[in-house]
C-alpha atoms as a PDB file:
ATOM      1  CA  MET A   1      -8.759  17.948 -34.446  1.00  0.00           C
ATOM      2  CA  SER A   2      -4.904  17.073 -34.993  1.00  0.00           C
ATOM      3  CA  LYS A   3      -3.449  14.045 -33.835  1.00  0.00           C
ATOM      4  CA  SER A   4      -0.793  15.234 -31.588  1.00  0.00           C
ATOM      5  CA  VAL A   5      -3.935  16.953 -30.099  1.00  0.00           C
ATOM      6  CA  LYS A   6      -5.749  13.646 -29.795  1.00  0.00           C
ATOM      7  CA  ALA A   7      -2.555  11.556 -28.738  1.00  0.00           C
ATOM      8  CA  VAL A   8      -2.025  14.268 -25.612  1.00  0.00           C
ATOM      9  CA  LEU A   9      -5.779  13.965 -24.819  1.00  0.00           C
ATOM     10  CA  LEU A  10      -5.791  10.573 -24.417  1.00  0.00           C
ATOM     11  CA  SER A  11      -2.559  10.231 -22.558  1.00  0.00           C
ATOM     12  CA  ALA A  12      -3.821  13.479 -20.256  1.00  0.00           C
ATOM     13  CA  LEU A  13      -7.141  12.317 -19.564  1.00  0.00           C
ATOM     14  CA  VAL A  14      -7.131   8.720 -19.842  1.00  0.00           C
ATOM     15  CA  PHE A  15      -4.411   6.944 -18.589  1.00  0.00           C
ATOM     16  CA  PRO A  16      -0.657   7.432 -19.266  1.00  0.00           C
ATOM     17  CA  GLY A  17      -0.208   5.488 -22.550  1.00  0.00           C
ATOM     18  CA  ALA A  18      -3.092   5.830 -23.824  1.00  0.00           C
ATOM     19  CA  GLY A  19      -1.929   8.422 -26.561  1.00  0.00           C
ATOM     20  CA  HIS A  20       0.662   5.788 -27.802  1.00  0.00           C
ATOM     21  CA  LEU A  21      -1.526   3.294 -28.461  1.00  0.00           C
ATOM     22  CA  PHE A  22      -3.287   5.778 -30.235  1.00  0.00           C
ATOM     23  CA  LEU A  23      -0.566   6.062 -32.645  1.00  0.00           C
ATOM     24  CA  LYS A  24       0.339   2.338 -32.465  1.00  0.00           C
ATOM     25  CA  LYS A  25       3.296   2.734 -30.740  1.00  0.00           C
ATOM     26  CA  TYR A  26       2.131  -0.218 -28.477  1.00  0.00           C
ATOM     27  CA  ILE A  27       5.675  -0.812 -27.027  1.00  0.00           C
ATOM     28  CA  ALA A  28       5.854   2.228 -25.460  1.00  0.00           C
ATOM     29  CA  GLY A  29       2.312   2.428 -24.678  1.00  0.00           C
ATOM     30  CA  ILE A  30       2.043  -0.714 -23.180  1.00  0.00           C
ATOM     31  CA  LEU A  31       5.312  -0.054 -20.930  1.00  0.00           C
ATOM     32  CA  LEU A  32       3.742   3.191 -19.811  1.00  0.00           C
ATOM     33  CA  ILE A  33       0.421   1.672 -18.952  1.00  0.00           C
ATOM     34  CA  CYS A  34       2.631  -1.383 -17.105  1.00  0.00           C
ATOM     35  CA  SER A  35       4.867   1.160 -15.406  1.00  0.00           C
ATOM     36  CA  SER A  36       1.854   3.610 -14.401  1.00  0.00           C
ATOM     37  CA  LEU A  37       0.031   0.612 -13.241  1.00  0.00           C
ATOM     38  CA  LEU A  38       2.696  -0.711 -10.878  1.00  0.00           C
ATOM     39  CA  THR A  39       3.514   2.267  -8.992  1.00  0.00           C
ATOM     40  CA  LEU A  40      -0.791   2.946  -8.817  1.00  0.00           C
ATOM     41  CA  SER A  41      -1.023  -0.724  -7.066  1.00  0.00           C
ATOM     42  CA  PHE A  42       1.347  -0.157  -4.620  1.00  0.00           C
ATOM     43  CA  PHE A  43       0.426   3.259  -4.034  1.00  0.00           C
ATOM     44  CA  ILE A  44      -3.337   2.111  -3.391  1.00  0.00           C
ATOM     45  CA  GLY A  45      -2.463  -0.907  -1.907  1.00  0.00           C
ATOM     46  CA  MET A  46      -0.634   1.259   0.918  1.00  0.00           C
ATOM     47  CA  ALA A  47      -3.750   3.058   1.390  1.00  0.00           C
ATOM     48  CA  VAL A  48      -5.487   0.059   1.558  1.00  0.00           C
ATOM     49  CA  GLU A  49      -3.123  -0.892   4.569  1.00  0.00           C
ATOM     50  CA  ARG A  50      -3.340   1.815   6.423  1.00  0.00           C
ATOM     51  CA  ALA A  51      -7.235   2.323   6.066  1.00  0.00           C
ATOM     52  CA  THR A  52      -7.670  -1.248   7.199  1.00  0.00           C
ATOM     53  CA  GLN A  53      -5.178  -0.735  10.158  1.00  0.00           C
ATOM     54  CA  ILE A  54      -7.407   2.313  11.223  1.00  0.00           C
ATOM     55  CA  ALA A  55     -10.304  -0.275  10.975  1.00  0.00           C
ATOM     56  CA  GLU A  56      -8.936  -2.594  12.730  1.00  0.00           C
ATOM     57  CA  LYS A  57      -8.731  -0.308  15.800  1.00  0.00           C
ATOM     58  CA  ILE A  58     -11.979   0.989  15.707  1.00  0.00           C
ATOM     59  CA  LEU A  59     -13.424  -2.772  15.334  1.00  0.00           C
ATOM     60  CA  SER A  60     -11.579  -3.486  18.357  1.00  0.00           C
ATOM     61  CA  GLY A  61     -12.374  -0.546  20.703  1.00  0.00           C
ATOM     62  CA  GLU A  62      -9.151   0.880  20.859  1.00  0.00           C
ATOM     63  CA  ILE A  63     -10.150   4.075  19.181  1.00  0.00           C
ATOM     64  CA  GLN A  64     -13.720   5.649  18.778  1.00  0.00           C
ATOM     65  CA  PRO A  65     -15.003   6.241  15.450  1.00  0.00           C
ATOM     66  CA  ASP A  66     -15.261  10.126  15.851  1.00  0.00           C
ATOM     67  CA  VAL A  67     -14.146  12.579  12.807  1.00  0.00           C
ATOM     68  CA  ALA A  68     -11.309  14.391  15.237  1.00  0.00           C
ATOM     69  CA  THR A  69     -10.040  10.996  16.122  1.00  0.00           C
ATOM     70  CA  LEU A  70      -9.779   9.261  12.849  1.00  0.00           C
ATOM     71  CA  MET A  71      -7.976  12.251  11.541  1.00  0.00           C
ATOM     72  CA  ASP A  72      -5.472  12.175  14.276  1.00  0.00           C
ATOM     73  CA  MET A  73      -5.378   8.290  13.461  1.00  0.00           C
ATOM     74  CA  VAL A  74      -4.767   9.172   9.700  1.00  0.00           C
ATOM     75  CA  THR A  75      -2.238  11.958  10.566  1.00  0.00           C
ATOM     76  CA  ASP A  76      -0.431   9.368  13.070  1.00  0.00           C
ATOM     77  CA  GLN A  77      -0.433   6.465  10.435  1.00  0.00           C
ATOM     78  CA  ALA A  78       1.295   9.018   8.018  1.00  0.00           C
ATOM     79  CA  SER A  79       4.345   9.402  10.194  1.00  0.00           C
ATOM     80  CA  GLY A  80       5.059   5.912  10.117  1.00  0.00           C
ATOM     81  CA  SER A  81       7.881   4.367   7.989  1.00  0.00           C
ATOM     82  CA  ASP A  82       5.882   3.567   4.539  1.00  0.00           C
ATOM     83  CA  PRO A  83       5.327   7.458   3.671  1.00  0.00           C
ATOM     84  CA  ARG A  84       8.462   7.510   2.080  1.00  0.00           C
ATOM     85  CA  LEU A  85       7.333   4.222  -0.018  1.00  0.00           C
ATOM     86  CA  MET A  86       4.137   6.111  -0.927  1.00  0.00           C
ATOM     87  CA  ASN A  87       5.702   9.363  -1.702  1.00  0.00           C
ATOM     88  CA  ILE A  88       8.191   7.421  -4.226  1.00  0.00           C
ATOM     89  CA  ALA A  89       4.918   5.732  -5.900  1.00  0.00           C
ATOM     90  CA  LEU A  90       3.377   8.691  -6.651  1.00  0.00           C
ATOM     91  CA  ILE A  91       6.203  10.766  -7.777  1.00  0.00           C
ATOM     92  CA  LEU A  92       6.785   7.748 -10.325  1.00  0.00           C
ATOM     93  CA  PHE A  93       3.111   7.820 -11.501  1.00  0.00           C
ATOM     94  CA  ILE A  94       3.401  11.336 -11.981  1.00  0.00           C
ATOM     95  CA  PHE A  95       6.862  11.081 -13.708  1.00  0.00           C
ATOM     96  CA  PHE A  96       5.332   8.367 -16.043  1.00  0.00           C
ATOM     97  CA  TRP A  97       1.910  10.259 -16.617  1.00  0.00           C
ATOM     98  CA  VAL A  98       4.156  13.292 -18.055  1.00  0.00           C
ATOM     99  CA  VAL A  99       6.407  10.890 -20.122  1.00  0.00           C
ATOM    100  CA  GLY A 100       3.464   9.780 -21.818  1.00  0.00           C
ATOM    101  CA  ILE A 101       1.680  12.925 -22.357  1.00  0.00           C
ATOM    102  CA  VAL A 102       5.168  14.910 -24.070  1.00  0.00           C
ATOM    103  CA  ASP A 103       6.086  11.518 -25.644  1.00  0.00           C
ATOM    104  CA  SER A 104       2.824  11.048 -27.499  1.00  0.00           C
ATOM    105  CA  TYR A 105       2.975  14.669 -28.428  1.00  0.00           C
ATOM    106  CA  LEU A 106       6.479  14.433 -29.878  1.00  0.00           C
ATOM    107  CA  ILE A 107       5.721  11.246 -31.841  1.00  0.00           C
ATOM    108  CA  ALA A 108       2.405  12.516 -33.221  1.00  0.00           C
ATOM    109  CA  ARG A 109       4.615  15.691 -34.434  1.00  0.00           C
ATOM    110  CA  LYS A 110       6.738  13.968 -35.675  1.00  0.00           C
ATOM    111  CA  THR A 111       4.688  11.313 -37.802  1.00  0.00           C
ATOM    112  CA  SER A 112       2.588  14.016 -38.931  1.00  0.00           C
END
């Protein structure tokens, strides 16, 4: 398996920046990893906050814990002010992932 294929597979299947670390491009790899972790942690934090709000409503008795009600709550919660921020975080994460894949391939091809 060639170096470029290994780097691309690491970046695509493990995490953005893993291919760069394999290619010994530590600064680029760490920047991609940190950027991806930042956007991913923001995205997960917003999802946990949303789930906590729904759980609090269930525990207080405001809503019944059945599937239809929960689906309505998730849909209603998604129409708040933060879906745009979640979408931006998700798009940035996907962007960093694609940049990691393409850049690790180009670096590996250049050095081979």
